[in-house]
PDB file of N, CA and C in Angstrom:
ATOM      1  N   THR A   1      -4.575 -24.130  -4.026  1.00  0.00           N
ATOM      2  CA  THR A   1      -4.280 -22.430  -4.211  1.00  0.00           C
ATOM      3  C   THR A   1      -3.474 -22.748  -2.649  1.00  0.00           C
ATOM      4  N   THR A   2      -2.631 -21.688  -2.450  1.00  0.00           N
ATOM      5  CA  THR A   2      -2.155 -21.621  -1.003  1.00  0.00           C
ATOM      6  C   THR A   2      -3.126 -20.932  -0.529  1.00  0.00           C
ATOM      7  N   HIS A   3      -3.018 -20.666   0.833  1.00  0.00           N
ATOM      8  CA  HIS A   3      -3.593 -19.632   1.699  1.00  0.00           C
ATOM      9  C   HIS A   3      -3.445 -18.026   1.356  1.00  0.00           C
ATOM     10  N   THR A   4      -2.067 -18.072   1.243  1.00  0.00           N
ATOM     11  CA  THR A   4      -1.727 -16.667   0.541  1.00  0.00           C
ATOM     12  C   THR A   4      -1.861 -16.636  -0.560  1.00  0.00           C
ATOM     13  N   GLU A   5      -2.083 -17.654  -1.370  1.00  0.00           N
ATOM     14  CA  GLU A   5      -2.778 -17.061  -2.926  1.00  0.00           C
ATOM     15  C   GLU A   5      -4.520 -16.327  -2.467  1.00  0.00           C
ATOM     16  N   THR A   6      -5.026 -17.571  -1.913  1.00  0.00           N
ATOM     17  CA  THR A   6      -6.479 -17.170  -1.994  1.00  0.00           C
ATOM     18  C   THR A   6      -6.806 -15.935  -0.730  1.00  0.00           C
ATOM     19  N   GLN A   7      -5.686 -15.721  -0.355  1.00  0.00           N
ATOM     20  CA  GLN A   7      -5.748 -14.313   0.515  1.00  0.00           C
ATOM     21  C   GLN A   7      -6.115 -12.910  -0.052  1.00  0.00           C
ATOM     22  N   THR A   8      -4.762 -13.000  -1.003  1.00  0.00           N
ATOM     23  CA  THR A   8      -4.761 -12.028  -1.948  1.00  0.00           C
ATOM     24  C   THR A   8      -5.621 -11.657  -3.036  1.00  0.00           C
ATOM     25  N   ARG A   9      -6.272 -12.851  -3.217  1.00  0.00           N
ATOM     26  CA  ARG A   9      -7.505 -12.432  -4.380  1.00  0.00           C
ATOM     27  C   ARG A   9      -8.184 -12.262  -3.902  1.00  0.00           C
ATOM     28  N   THR A  10      -8.569 -12.312  -2.623  1.00  0.00           N
ATOM     29  CA  THR A  10      -9.982 -11.593  -1.826  1.00  0.00           C
ATOM     30  C   THR A  10      -9.836 -10.826  -1.261  1.00  0.00           C
ATOM     31  N   ASP A  11      -8.618 -10.268  -1.218  1.00  0.00           N
ATOM     32  CA  ASP A  11      -8.105  -8.627  -0.908  1.00  0.00           C
ATOM     33  C   ASP A  11      -8.121  -8.112  -2.068  1.00  0.00           C
ATOM     34  N   ASN A  12      -8.132  -8.233  -3.436  1.00  0.00           N
ATOM     35  CA  ASN A  12      -7.964  -7.921  -4.770  1.00  0.00           C
ATOM     36  C   ASN A  12      -9.650  -7.635  -4.904  1.00  0.00           C
ATOM     37  N   GLN A  13     -10.322  -8.810  -4.497  1.00  0.00           N
ATOM     38  CA  GLN A  13     -11.921  -8.214  -4.669  1.00  0.00           C
ATOM     39  C   GLN A  13     -11.995  -7.312  -4.032  1.00  0.00           C
ATOM     40  N   THR A  14     -11.718  -7.264  -2.659  1.00  0.00           N
ATOM     41  CA  THR A  14     -12.285  -6.338  -1.768  1.00  0.00           C
ATOM     42  C   THR A  14     -11.882  -5.070  -2.546  1.00  0.00           C
ATOM     43  N   MET A  15     -10.495  -4.501  -3.250  1.00  0.00           N
ATOM     44  CA  MET A  15      -9.857  -3.318  -3.310  1.00  0.00           C
ATOM     45  C   MET A  15     -11.017  -2.943  -4.584  1.00  0.00           C
ATOM     46  N   HIS A  16     -11.362  -4.210  -5.333  1.00  0.00           N
ATOM     47  CA  HIS A  16     -12.188  -3.812  -6.659  1.00  0.00           C
ATOM     48  C   HIS A  16     -13.064  -3.443  -6.377  1.00  0.00           C
ATOM     49  N   HIS A  17     -13.846  -4.100  -5.522  1.00  0.00           N
ATOM     50  CA  HIS A  17     -15.178  -3.754  -5.021  1.00  0.00           C
ATOM     51  C   HIS A  17     -15.488  -2.216  -4.170  1.00  0.00           C
ATOM     52  N   VAL A  18     -14.016  -1.643  -3.558  1.00  0.00           N
ATOM     53  CA  VAL A  18     -14.339  -0.480  -3.069  1.00  0.00           C
ATOM     54  C   VAL A  18     -14.021   0.430  -3.948  1.00  0.00           C
ATOM     55  N   ILE A  19     -12.877   0.210  -5.147  1.00  0.00           N
ATOM     56  CA  ILE A  19     -12.706   1.731  -6.452  1.00  0.00           C
ATOM     57  C   ILE A  19     -13.944   1.552  -6.877  1.00  0.00           C
ATOM     58  N   ASP A  20     -14.436   0.260  -7.116  1.00  0.00           N
ATOM     59  CA  ASP A  20     -16.244   0.145  -8.053  1.00  0.00           C
ATOM     60  C   ASP A  20     -17.198   1.223  -7.589  1.00  0.00           C
ATOM     61  N   SER A  21     -17.261   1.004  -5.794  1.00  0.00           N
ATOM     62  CA  SER A  21     -18.378   1.687  -5.162  1.00  0.00           C
ATOM     63  C   SER A  21     -18.066   2.628  -5.067  1.00  0.00           C
ATOM     64  N   LEU A  22     -16.646   3.196  -5.225  1.00  0.00           N
ATOM     65  CA  LEU A  22     -15.848   4.628  -5.076  1.00  0.00           C
ATOM     66  C   LEU A  22     -16.204   5.449  -6.688  1.00  0.00           C
ATOM     67  N   ASN A  23     -16.233   4.677  -7.518  1.00  0.00           N
ATOM     68  CA  ASN A  23     -16.311   5.115  -9.118  1.00  0.00           C
ATOM     69  C   ASN A  23     -18.156   5.468  -9.196  1.00  0.00           C
ATOM     70  N   LYS A  24     -18.772   4.816  -8.127  1.00  0.00           N
ATOM     71  CA  LYS A  24     -20.338   5.169  -8.861  1.00  0.00           C
ATOM     72  C   LYS A  24     -20.989   5.658  -7.718  1.00  0.00           C
ATOM     73  N   ARG A  25     -19.793   6.796  -6.740  1.00  0.00           N
ATOM     74  CA  ARG A  25     -20.450   8.125  -5.982  1.00  0.00           C
ATOM     75  C   ARG A  25     -20.453   9.267  -6.552  1.00  0.00           C
ATOM     76  N   PRO A  26     -21.687  10.080  -6.549  1.00  0.00           N
ATOM     77  CA  PRO A  26     -21.269  11.201  -7.155  1.00  0.00           C
ATOM     78  C   PRO A  26     -19.593  11.757  -7.390  1.00  0.00           C
ATOM     79  N   THR A  27     -19.610  12.666  -8.042  1.00  0.00           N
ATOM     80  CA  THR A  27     -18.129  13.101  -8.644  1.00  0.00           C
ATOM     81  C   THR A  27     -17.306  14.214  -7.339  1.00  0.00           C
ATOM     82  N   ALA A  28     -18.329  14.566  -7.032  1.00  0.00           N
ATOM     83  CA  ALA A  28     -18.063  15.764  -5.708  1.00  0.00           C
ATOM     84  C   ALA A  28     -17.580  14.803  -4.887  1.00  0.00           C
ATOM     85  N   VAL A  29     -18.216  13.689  -4.187  1.00  0.00           N
ATOM     86  CA  VAL A  29     -17.887  13.145  -3.368  1.00  0.00           C
ATOM     87  C   VAL A  29     -16.443  12.544  -3.581  1.00  0.00           C
ATOM     88  N   ARG A  30     -16.195  11.952  -4.419  1.00  0.00           N
ATOM     89  CA  ARG A  30     -14.574  11.368  -5.122  1.00  0.00           C
ATOM     90  C   ARG A  30     -13.717  12.405  -5.200  1.00  0.00           C
ATOM     91  N   LYS A  31     -14.301  13.280  -5.440  1.00  0.00           N
ATOM     92  CA  LYS A  31     -12.619  14.956  -5.524  1.00  0.00           C
ATOM     93  C   LYS A  31     -12.696  15.258  -3.979  1.00  0.00           C
ATOM     94  N   ASP A  32     -13.614  15.073  -2.792  1.00  0.00           N
ATOM     95  CA  ASP A  32     -13.548  15.496  -1.448  1.00  0.00           C
ATOM     96  C   ASP A  32     -12.362  13.980  -0.808  1.00  0.00           C
ATOM     97  N   LEU A  33     -12.869  12.559  -1.658  1.00  0.00           N
ATOM     98  CA  LEU A  33     -11.879  11.835  -0.861  1.00  0.00           C
ATOM     99  C   LEU A  33     -10.683  12.054  -1.053  1.00  0.00           C
ATOM    100  N   VAL A  34     -10.294  12.126  -2.832  1.00  0.00           N
ATOM    101  CA  VAL A  34      -8.939  11.908  -3.203  1.00  0.00           C
ATOM    102  C   VAL A  34      -8.123  13.079  -2.885  1.00  0.00           C
ATOM    103  N   GLN A  35      -8.691  14.223  -2.256  1.00  0.00           N
ATOM    104  CA  GLN A  35      -7.975  15.327  -1.864  1.00  0.00           C
ATOM    105  C   GLN A  35      -7.640  15.555  -0.442  1.00  0.00           C
ATOM    106  N   LEU A  36      -8.781  14.560   0.500  1.00  0.00           N
ATOM    107  CA  LEU A  36      -8.248  13.794   1.438  1.00  0.00           C
ATOM    108  C   LEU A  36      -7.029  12.781   1.384  1.00  0.00           C
ATOM    109  N   PHE A  37      -7.555  11.861   0.711  1.00  0.00           N
ATOM    110  CA  PHE A  37      -6.313  10.919   0.845  1.00  0.00           C
ATOM    111  C   PHE A  37      -4.456  12.054   0.038  1.00  0.00           C
ATOM    112  N   GLN A  38      -4.785  12.997  -0.664  1.00  0.00           N
ATOM    113  CA  GLN A  38      -3.473  13.612  -1.002  1.00  0.00           C
ATOM    114  C   GLN A  38      -3.421  13.825  -0.172  1.00  0.00           C
ATOM    115  N   LYS A  39      -3.883  14.922   0.963  1.00  0.00           N
ATOM    116  CA  LYS A  39      -3.764  15.377   2.529  1.00  0.00           C
ATOM    117  C   LYS A  39      -2.988  14.851   3.221  1.00  0.00           C
ATOM    118  N   VAL A  40      -3.642  13.253   3.166  1.00  0.00           N
ATOM    119  CA  VAL A  40      -2.954  12.550   4.500  1.00  0.00           C
ATOM    120  C   VAL A  40      -1.584  12.043   4.120  1.00  0.00           C
ATOM    121  N   TYR A  41      -1.342  11.826   2.883  1.00  0.00           N
ATOM    122  CA  TYR A  41      -0.261  11.383   2.092  1.00  0.00           C
ATOM    123  C   TYR A  41       0.502  12.670   2.275  1.00  0.00           C
ATOM    124  N   GLU A  42       0.719  13.669   1.847  1.00  0.00           N
ATOM    125  CA  GLU A  42       1.518  14.781   1.668  1.00  0.00           C
ATOM    126  C   GLU A  42       1.956  14.858   3.585  1.00  0.00           C
ATOM    127  N   GLY A  43       1.018  14.722   4.465  1.00  0.00           N
ATOM    128  CA  GLY A  43       1.072  14.834   5.778  1.00  0.00           C
ATOM    129  C   GLY A  43       2.242  13.708   6.308  1.00  0.00           C
ATOM    130  N   PHE A  44       2.192  12.596   5.511  1.00  0.00           N
ATOM    131  CA  PHE A  44       2.945  11.378   5.884  1.00  0.00           C
ATOM    132  C   PHE A  44       4.242  11.970   5.838  1.00  0.00           C
ATOM    133  N   LYS A  45       4.302  12.022   4.193  1.00  0.00           N
ATOM    134  CA  LYS A  45       5.653  12.474   3.664  1.00  0.00           C
ATOM    135  C   LYS A  45       6.840  13.587   4.731  1.00  0.00           C
ATOM    136  N   ARG A  46       5.439  14.740   4.744  1.00  0.00           N
ATOM    137  CA  ARG A  46       6.074  15.817   5.762  1.00  0.00           C
ATOM    138  C   ARG A  46       6.866  15.226   7.161  1.00  0.00           C
ATOM    139  N   HIS A  47       5.882  14.351   7.619  1.00  0.00           N
ATOM    140  CA  HIS A  47       6.388  14.179   8.919  1.00  0.00           C
ATOM    141  C   HIS A  47       7.256  13.146   8.895  1.00  0.00           C
ATOM    142  N   ASP A  48       7.769  11.931   7.554  1.00  0.00           N
ATOM    143  CA  ASP A  48       8.801  11.179   7.297  1.00  0.00           C
ATOM    144  C   ASP A  48      10.045  12.026   7.298  1.00  0.00           C
ATOM    145  N   GLU A  49      10.230  13.345   6.367  1.00  0.00           N
ATOM    146  CA  GLU A  49      10.832  13.666   6.190  1.00  0.00           C
ATOM    147  C   GLU A  49      11.293  14.903   7.277  1.00  0.00           C
ATOM    148  N   GLY A  50      11.114  15.319   8.196  1.00  0.00           N
ATOM    149  CA  GLY A  50      10.791  15.858   9.255  1.00  0.00           C
ATOM    150  C   GLY A  50      11.348  15.055  10.168  1.00  0.00           C
ATOM    151  N   PHE A  51      10.812  13.579  10.338  1.00  0.00           N
ATOM    152  CA  PHE A  51      11.479  12.462  11.520  1.00  0.00           C
ATOM    153  C   PHE A  51      12.722  12.413  10.644  1.00  0.00           C
ATOM    154  N   LYS A  52      13.307  12.139   9.768  1.00  0.00           N
ATOM    155  CA  LYS A  52      14.640  11.886   9.436  1.00  0.00           C
ATOM    156  C   LYS A  52      15.541  12.824   9.451  1.00  0.00           C
ATOM    157  N   GLY A  53      15.445  14.175   9.107  1.00  0.00           N
ATOM    158  CA  GLY A  53      15.973  15.029   9.478  1.00  0.00           C
ATOM    159  C   GLY A  53      16.474  15.059  10.877  1.00  0.00           C
ATOM    160  N   HIS A  54      15.767  15.039  12.212  1.00  0.00           N
ATOM    161  CA  HIS A  54      16.021  14.740  12.889  1.00  0.00           C
ATOM    162  C   HIS A  54      16.453  14.188  13.669  1.00  0.00           C
ATOM    163  N   TYR A  55      17.012  12.982  13.027  1.00  0.00           N
ATOM    164  CA  TYR A  55      17.819  11.941  13.432  1.00  0.00           C
ATOM    165  C   TYR A  55      19.109  11.718  12.321  1.00  0.00           C
ATOM    166  N   GLN A  56      19.773  12.914  11.707  1.00  0.00           N
ATOM    167  CA  GLN A  56      20.673  12.955  10.871  1.00  0.00           C
ATOM    168  C   GLN A  56      21.729  13.269  11.294  1.00  0.00           C
TER     169      GLN A  56
END
């Protein structure tokens, strides 16, 4: 395998590990995290749209 393939496999395992540990946490914690991710994502989208609108 090439270095890139190995790296990708390692990254995937890391992601699975993170997701697994999140799934094992109490539901309340997971909900908070999901909401946090959504807020961050919405913030980025808004910022991105504002940025595009500013330079058109």
